[in-house]
Amino acid sequence: MNRIFNAKVEPGSWVLLLAILVVAVFLMWTSRNGIAICIMLLLLVIMIERIIHTNYTVTPDGKLIVHTGRFAKDKVIDLTQVRRVKRMAAMRIFGRPLRTFVLIECADGRILSLIPREEDKFVKHVEGVRTSISEAL
């Protein structure tokens, strides 16, 4: 059975959405440039859709599918090709991490940074599927 992990919405995403919204409203208020307004509103819709629909699916046959919304192509990673799965923290302020994420390093040199809501459960599940696949081989 597939296990789906949703992505968490980080404060930086909220700030970017707010900035795009402010620019779009400012352009609507002051400018008569319809193309710029449409571009900003389209960018706002794409960002919201990407934030809402990002999820990570781990299949029992050892695949990790990174789905980042309807407008982007899914990334499929074979878990047998994963070297390391590690939970990391970035930029600490007063000893607390400002941002936490899961770093996945593949054998072909690719590095993915994922932000699942339940990071510990995600890492444990991916490691569990990796070990069960390697034992089956």
N, C-alpha and C. Protein backbone atom coordinates (compact mmCIF):
# COMPACT_ATOMS: atom_id res chain seq x y z
N MET A 1 0.84 -1.18 0.00
CA MET A 1 0.00 0.00 0.00
C MET A 1 0.89 1.24 0.00
N ASN A 2 0.52 2.21 -0.80
CA ASN A 2 1.28 3.46 -0.89
C ASN A 2 1.12 4.27 0.39
N ARG A 3 2.20 4.89 0.81
CA ARG A 3 2.17 5.78 1.98
C ARG A 3 2.43 7.19 1.47
N ILE A 4 1.51 8.08 1.75
CA ILE A 4 1.59 9.46 1.27
C ILE A 4 1.91 10.39 2.43
N PHE A 5 2.92 11.23 2.22
CA PHE A 5 3.30 12.25 3.19
C PHE A 5 3.09 13.61 2.54
N ASN A 6 2.35 14.47 3.20
CA ASN A 6 2.12 15.82 2.69
C ASN A 6 3.28 16.72 3.06
N ALA A 7 3.48 17.74 2.26
CA ALA A 7 4.54 18.71 2.54
C ALA A 7 4.03 19.76 3.52
N LYS A 8 4.93 20.26 4.34
CA LYS A 8 4.53 21.34 5.25
C LYS A 8 4.75 22.68 4.56
N VAL A 9 3.98 23.64 4.97
CA VAL A 9 4.09 24.99 4.42
C VAL A 9 5.00 25.78 5.34
N GLU A 10 6.10 26.25 4.79
CA GLU A 10 7.08 26.96 5.60
C GLU A 10 6.78 28.46 5.63
N PRO A 11 7.32 29.15 6.62
CA PRO A 11 7.08 30.60 6.71
C PRO A 11 7.57 31.37 5.48
N GLY A 12 8.65 30.90 4.86
CA GLY A 12 9.15 31.56 3.65
C GLY A 12 8.15 31.51 2.51
N SER A 13 7.39 30.43 2.43
CA SER A 13 6.35 30.31 1.40
C SER A 13 5.24 31.32 1.65
N TRP A 14 4.86 31.48 2.92
CA TRP A 14 3.82 32.46 3.25
C TRP A 14 4.30 33.88 2.91
N VAL A 15 5.56 34.17 3.20
CA VAL A 15 6.10 35.50 2.91
C VAL A 15 6.11 35.75 1.40
N LEU A 16 6.52 34.74 0.62
CA LEU A 16 6.53 34.90 -0.83
C LEU A 16 5.12 35.09 -1.38
N LEU A 17 4.17 34.33 -0.88
CA LEU A 17 2.77 34.50 -1.31
C LEU A 17 2.26 35.90 -0.98
N LEU A 18 2.56 36.36 0.21
CA LEU A 18 2.12 37.69 0.62
C LEU A 18 2.77 38.77 -0.25
N ALA A 19 4.05 38.61 -0.57
CA ALA A 19 4.74 39.59 -1.41
C ALA A 19 4.14 39.63 -2.81
N ILE A 20 3.86 38.47 -3.39
CA ILE A 20 3.26 38.44 -4.72
C ILE A 20 1.86 39.05 -4.68
N LEU A 21 1.10 38.76 -3.64
CA LEU A 21 -0.24 39.33 -3.49
C LEU A 21 -0.18 40.85 -3.37
N VAL A 22 0.76 41.36 -2.58
CA VAL A 22 0.89 42.81 -2.41
C VAL A 22 1.23 43.47 -3.74
N VAL A 23 2.15 42.86 -4.49
CA VAL A 23 2.53 43.44 -5.79
C VAL A 23 1.34 43.40 -6.75
N ALA A 24 0.59 42.29 -6.76
CA ALA A 24 -0.57 42.19 -7.64
C ALA A 24 -1.62 43.23 -7.29
N VAL A 25 -1.92 43.40 -6.01
CA VAL A 25 -2.91 44.41 -5.59
C VAL A 25 -2.41 45.81 -5.91
N PHE A 26 -1.10 46.07 -5.70
CA PHE A 26 -0.53 47.37 -6.02
C PHE A 26 -0.66 47.67 -7.51
N LEU A 27 -0.39 46.66 -8.35
CA LEU A 27 -0.51 46.86 -9.79
C LEU A 27 -1.97 47.11 -10.20
N MET A 28 -2.90 46.41 -9.54
CA MET A 28 -4.32 46.63 -9.85
C MET A 28 -4.76 48.03 -9.43
N TRP A 29 -4.22 48.51 -8.33
CA TRP A 29 -4.63 49.80 -7.78
C TRP A 29 -4.05 50.97 -8.59
N THR A 30 -2.78 50.87 -8.98
CA THR A 30 -2.10 52.02 -9.58
C THR A 30 -1.90 51.92 -11.08
N SER A 31 -1.80 50.74 -11.59
CA SER A 31 -1.41 50.57 -12.99
C SER A 31 -2.60 50.16 -13.85
N ARG A 32 -2.47 50.44 -15.10
CA ARG A 32 -3.47 49.98 -16.06
C ARG A 32 -2.86 48.91 -16.97
N ASN A 33 -1.74 48.36 -16.53
CA ASN A 33 -1.03 47.34 -17.31
C ASN A 33 -1.64 45.97 -17.01
N GLY A 34 -2.53 45.53 -17.87
CA GLY A 34 -3.23 44.27 -17.66
C GLY A 34 -2.33 43.06 -17.75
N ILE A 35 -1.31 43.13 -18.58
CA ILE A 35 -0.40 41.98 -18.74
C ILE A 35 0.36 41.72 -17.45
N ALA A 36 0.87 42.76 -16.82
CA ALA A 36 1.62 42.60 -15.56
C ALA A 36 0.71 42.06 -14.46
N ILE A 37 -0.52 42.55 -14.42
CA ILE A 37 -1.48 42.08 -13.42
C ILE A 37 -1.78 40.60 -13.64
N CYS A 38 -2.01 40.21 -14.88
CA CYS A 38 -2.29 38.80 -15.19
C CYS A 38 -1.12 37.91 -14.85
N ILE A 39 0.09 38.37 -15.12
CA ILE A 39 1.28 37.58 -14.80
C ILE A 39 1.40 37.37 -13.30
N MET A 40 1.18 38.43 -12.53
CA MET A 40 1.29 38.31 -11.07
C MET A 40 0.20 37.39 -10.51
N LEU A 41 -1.01 37.51 -11.02
CA LEU A 41 -2.10 36.65 -10.55
C LEU A 41 -1.87 35.20 -10.96
N LEU A 42 -1.35 34.97 -12.15
CA LEU A 42 -1.02 33.62 -12.59
C LEU A 42 0.09 33.03 -11.72
N LEU A 43 1.08 33.81 -11.40
CA LEU A 43 2.16 33.37 -10.51
C LEU A 43 1.61 33.04 -9.12
N LEU A 44 0.67 33.82 -8.66
CA LEU A 44 0.04 33.58 -7.36
C LEU A 44 -0.73 32.26 -7.37
N VAL A 45 -1.48 32.01 -8.42
CA VAL A 45 -2.24 30.76 -8.54
C VAL A 45 -1.30 29.56 -8.59
N ILE A 46 -0.22 29.66 -9.35
CA ILE A 46 0.75 28.55 -9.46
C ILE A 46 1.39 28.27 -8.10
N MET A 47 1.76 29.32 -7.38
CA MET A 47 2.38 29.13 -6.06
C MET A 47 1.41 28.48 -5.08
N ILE A 48 0.18 28.93 -5.05
CA ILE A 48 -0.81 28.35 -4.14
C ILE A 48 -1.06 26.89 -4.50
N GLU A 49 -1.20 26.60 -5.79
CA GLU A 49 -1.44 25.23 -6.22
C GLU A 49 -0.26 24.32 -5.86
N ARG A 50 0.94 24.83 -6.01
CA ARG A 50 2.12 24.04 -5.69
C ARG A 50 2.23 23.77 -4.19
N ILE A 51 1.90 24.75 -3.38
CA ILE A 51 1.94 24.58 -1.94
C ILE A 51 0.89 23.57 -1.48
N ILE A 52 -0.30 23.67 -2.03
CA ILE A 52 -1.39 22.80 -1.60
C ILE A 52 -1.18 21.35 -2.04
N HIS A 53 -0.71 21.14 -3.26
CA HIS A 53 -0.67 19.79 -3.83
C HIS A 53 0.68 19.08 -3.76
N THR A 54 1.65 19.60 -3.06
CA THR A 54 2.93 18.89 -2.95
C THR A 54 2.80 17.76 -1.95
N ASN A 55 3.16 16.55 -2.40
CA ASN A 55 3.19 15.40 -1.50
C ASN A 55 4.25 14.41 -1.97
N TYR A 56 4.61 13.51 -1.07
CA TYR A 56 5.64 12.51 -1.32
C TYR A 56 5.02 11.14 -1.08
N THR A 57 5.07 10.28 -2.10
CA THR A 57 4.47 8.96 -2.02
C THR A 57 5.57 7.91 -2.04
N VAL A 58 5.55 7.04 -1.04
CA VAL A 58 6.48 5.91 -0.99
C VAL A 58 5.68 4.66 -1.31
N THR A 59 6.07 3.98 -2.39
CA THR A 59 5.37 2.78 -2.82
C THR A 59 6.04 1.54 -2.23
N PRO A 60 5.30 0.45 -2.08
CA PRO A 60 5.90 -0.76 -1.51
C PRO A 60 6.95 -1.41 -2.41
N ASP A 61 6.95 -1.08 -3.70
CA ASP A 61 7.95 -1.65 -4.59
C ASP A 61 9.23 -0.83 -4.63
N GLY A 62 9.38 0.14 -3.74
CA GLY A 62 10.64 0.86 -3.58
C GLY A 62 10.79 2.10 -4.44
N LYS A 63 9.73 2.80 -4.67
CA LYS A 63 9.79 4.05 -5.43
C LYS A 63 9.34 5.20 -4.54
N LEU A 64 9.99 6.34 -4.70
CA LEU A 64 9.59 7.57 -4.04
C LEU A 64 9.12 8.52 -5.14
N ILE A 65 7.86 8.91 -5.09
CA ILE A 65 7.29 9.80 -6.10
C ILE A 65 7.10 11.17 -5.45
N VAL A 66 7.78 12.16 -6.00
CA VAL A 66 7.68 13.54 -5.51
C VAL A 66 6.73 14.28 -6.45
N HIS A 67 5.53 14.57 -5.95
CA HIS A 67 4.51 15.25 -6.73
C HIS A 67 4.44 16.69 -6.26
N THR A 68 4.74 17.63 -7.16
CA THR A 68 4.76 19.04 -6.77
C THR A 68 3.67 19.84 -7.46
N GLY A 69 2.53 19.22 -7.67
CA GLY A 69 1.40 19.94 -8.22
C GLY A 69 1.08 19.53 -9.64
N ARG A 70 0.00 20.09 -10.15
CA ARG A 70 -0.49 19.72 -11.48
C ARG A 70 0.33 20.31 -12.60
N PHE A 71 1.04 21.40 -12.34
CA PHE A 71 1.77 22.09 -13.40
C PHE A 71 3.21 21.62 -13.53
N ALA A 72 3.64 20.68 -12.70
CA ALA A 72 5.02 20.19 -12.74
C ALA A 72 5.03 18.67 -12.93
N LYS A 73 6.10 18.19 -13.50
CA LYS A 73 6.25 16.76 -13.74
C LYS A 73 6.69 16.07 -12.44
N ASP A 74 6.14 14.89 -12.18
CA ASP A 74 6.51 14.13 -10.99
C ASP A 74 7.95 13.61 -11.12
N LYS A 75 8.65 13.59 -9.98
CA LYS A 75 9.98 12.99 -9.93
C LYS A 75 9.85 11.62 -9.28
N VAL A 76 10.39 10.61 -9.93
CA VAL A 76 10.34 9.24 -9.41
C VAL A 76 11.76 8.82 -9.08
N ILE A 77 11.98 8.44 -7.83
CA ILE A 77 13.30 8.02 -7.36
C ILE A 77 13.21 6.58 -6.92
N ASP A 78 14.12 5.77 -7.43
CA ASP A 78 14.20 4.37 -7.01
C ASP A 78 14.95 4.33 -5.68
N LEU A 79 14.32 3.78 -4.65
CA LEU A 79 14.92 3.79 -3.32
C LEU A 79 16.15 2.89 -3.21
N THR A 80 16.32 1.98 -4.16
CA THR A 80 17.56 1.17 -4.14
C THR A 80 18.76 2.00 -4.57
N GLN A 81 18.52 3.12 -5.24
CA GLN A 81 19.60 4.00 -5.69
C GLN A 81 19.90 5.12 -4.69
N VAL A 82 19.20 5.12 -3.56
CA VAL A 82 19.40 6.16 -2.55
C VAL A 82 20.54 5.77 -1.63
N ARG A 83 21.52 6.66 -1.51
CA ARG A 83 22.66 6.41 -0.61
C ARG A 83 22.33 6.74 0.83
N ARG A 84 21.69 7.90 1.01
CA ARG A 84 21.49 8.38 2.36
C ARG A 84 20.20 9.18 2.47
N VAL A 85 19.50 8.99 3.56
CA VAL A 85 18.31 9.77 3.90
C VAL A 85 18.58 10.36 5.28
N LYS A 86 18.58 11.67 5.36
CA LYS A 86 18.98 12.31 6.61
C LYS A 86 18.10 13.51 6.90
N ARG A 87 17.71 13.62 8.15
CA ARG A 87 16.95 14.79 8.60
C ARG A 87 17.95 15.87 8.98
N MET A 88 17.74 17.08 8.47
CA MET A 88 18.71 18.15 8.68
C MET A 88 17.99 19.41 9.17
N ALA A 89 18.77 20.28 9.75
CA ALA A 89 18.26 21.57 10.21
C ALA A 89 19.15 22.67 9.64
N ALA A 90 18.55 23.78 9.29
CA ALA A 90 19.29 24.89 8.71
C ALA A 90 19.04 26.15 9.53
N MET A 91 20.06 26.96 9.64
CA MET A 91 20.00 28.26 10.29
C MET A 91 19.35 28.21 11.66
N ARG A 92 20.15 28.05 12.65
CA ARG A 92 19.65 28.01 14.02
C ARG A 92 19.63 29.41 14.63
N ILE A 93 18.56 29.71 15.33
CA ILE A 93 18.43 30.97 16.06
C ILE A 93 18.11 30.62 17.50
N PHE A 94 18.97 31.02 18.40
CA PHE A 94 18.84 30.72 19.83
C PHE A 94 18.74 29.21 20.07
N GLY A 95 19.48 28.45 19.29
CA GLY A 95 19.52 27.01 19.47
C GLY A 95 18.39 26.24 18.82
N ARG A 96 17.44 26.94 18.24
CA ARG A 96 16.31 26.28 17.58
C ARG A 96 16.46 26.42 16.07
N PRO A 97 16.18 25.35 15.34
CA PRO A 97 16.33 25.44 13.89
C PRO A 97 15.23 26.29 13.26
N LEU A 98 15.62 27.12 12.32
CA LEU A 98 14.66 27.95 11.61
C LEU A 98 13.93 27.14 10.54
N ARG A 99 14.65 26.16 9.98
CA ARG A 99 14.08 25.33 8.92
C ARG A 99 14.61 23.92 9.07
N THR A 100 13.72 22.93 9.02
CA THR A 100 14.13 21.53 9.02
C THR A 100 13.65 20.89 7.72
N PHE A 101 14.42 19.93 7.24
CA PHE A 101 14.09 19.26 6.00
C PHE A 101 14.73 17.89 5.97
N VAL A 102 14.36 17.09 4.97
CA VAL A 102 14.94 15.76 4.77
C VAL A 102 15.79 15.82 3.52
N LEU A 103 17.04 15.42 3.64
CA LEU A 103 17.98 15.43 2.53
C LEU A 103 18.13 14.00 2.01
N ILE A 104 17.89 13.81 0.73
CA ILE A 104 18.04 12.49 0.10
C ILE A 104 19.15 12.59 -0.92
N GLU A 105 20.17 11.74 -0.74
CA GLU A 105 21.30 11.71 -1.65
C GLU A 105 21.23 10.42 -2.47
N CYS A 106 21.19 10.57 -3.79
CA CYS A 106 21.09 9.42 -4.69
C CYS A 106 22.47 8.99 -5.16
N ALA A 107 22.56 7.77 -5.68
CA ALA A 107 23.82 7.21 -6.15
C ALA A 107 24.35 7.95 -7.38
N ASP A 108 23.46 8.52 -8.18
CA ASP A 108 23.89 9.23 -9.39
C ASP A 108 24.30 10.68 -9.12
N GLY A 109 24.35 11.08 -7.86
CA GLY A 109 24.81 12.41 -7.49
C GLY A 109 23.70 13.42 -7.26
N ARG A 110 22.46 13.06 -7.53
CA ARG A 110 21.36 13.98 -7.29
C ARG A 110 21.12 14.13 -5.79
N ILE A 111 20.76 15.32 -5.40
CA ILE A 111 20.42 15.59 -4.01
C ILE A 111 19.05 16.27 -3.99
N LEU A 112 18.14 15.72 -3.19
CA LEU A 112 16.80 16.26 -3.07
C LEU A 112 16.58 16.77 -1.67
N SER A 113 15.94 17.90 -1.56
CA SER A 113 15.55 18.45 -0.27
C SER A 113 14.03 18.42 -0.19
N LEU A 114 13.50 17.64 0.74
CA LEU A 114 12.06 17.47 0.89
C LEU A 114 11.63 18.01 2.24
N ILE A 115 10.39 18.49 2.31
CA ILE A 115 9.89 19.06 3.57
C ILE A 115 8.57 18.40 3.98
N PRO A 116 8.60 17.12 4.33
CA PRO A 116 7.35 16.48 4.78
C PRO A 116 6.93 17.00 6.15
N ARG A 117 5.64 16.93 6.44
CA ARG A 117 5.15 17.38 7.75
C ARG A 117 5.71 16.54 8.87
N GLU A 118 5.67 15.24 8.70
CA GLU A 118 6.15 14.31 9.73
C GLU A 118 7.51 13.76 9.28
N GLU A 119 8.56 14.52 9.53
CA GLU A 119 9.88 14.19 9.01
C GLU A 119 10.42 12.88 9.57
N ASP A 120 10.27 12.68 10.88
CA ASP A 120 10.80 11.46 11.49
C ASP A 120 10.10 10.21 10.94
N LYS A 121 8.78 10.27 10.81
CA LYS A 121 8.04 9.13 10.27
C LYS A 121 8.41 8.89 8.81
N PHE A 122 8.64 9.97 8.06
CA PHE A 122 9.04 9.84 6.66
C PHE A 122 10.39 9.14 6.54
N VAL A 123 11.35 9.58 7.32
CA VAL A 123 12.69 8.97 7.27
C VAL A 123 12.62 7.51 7.68
N LYS A 124 11.89 7.19 8.75
CA LYS A 124 11.77 5.80 9.20
C LYS A 124 11.10 4.94 8.15
N HIS A 125 10.07 5.46 7.51
CA HIS A 125 9.35 4.68 6.49
C HIS A 125 10.24 4.44 5.27
N VAL A 126 10.93 5.47 4.82
CA VAL A 126 11.82 5.31 3.65
C VAL A 126 12.93 4.32 3.97
N GLU A 127 13.52 4.44 5.16
CA GLU A 127 14.58 3.49 5.55
C GLU A 127 14.02 2.07 5.65
N GLY A 128 12.81 1.92 6.17
CA GLY A 128 12.19 0.60 6.28
C GLY A 128 11.95 -0.03 4.92
N VAL A 129 11.45 0.75 3.98
CA VAL A 129 11.22 0.23 2.62
C VAL A 129 12.54 -0.09 1.95
N ARG A 130 13.55 0.76 2.15
CA ARG A 130 14.88 0.50 1.57
C ARG A 130 15.45 -0.82 2.09
N THR A 131 15.37 -1.06 3.39
CA THR A 131 15.93 -2.29 3.94
C THR A 131 15.13 -3.51 3.50
N SER A 132 13.80 -3.39 3.41
CA SER A 132 13.01 -4.54 2.98
C SER A 132 13.28 -4.87 1.50
N ILE A 133 13.51 -3.85 0.69
CA ILE A 133 13.83 -4.09 -0.73
C ILE A 133 15.22 -4.71 -0.85
N SER A 134 16.19 -4.22 -0.08
CA SER A 134 17.56 -4.77 -0.18
C SER A 134 17.62 -6.20 0.36
N GLU A 135 16.81 -6.52 1.35
CA GLU A 135 16.78 -7.89 1.86
C GLU A 135 16.12 -8.84 0.86
N ALA A 136 15.15 -8.32 0.11
CA ALA A 136 14.47 -9.16 -0.89
C ALA A 136 15.38 -9.47 -2.07
N LEU A 137 16.33 -8.58 -2.34
CA LEU A 137 17.26 -8.80 -3.45
C LEU A 137 18.33 -9.72 -2.99
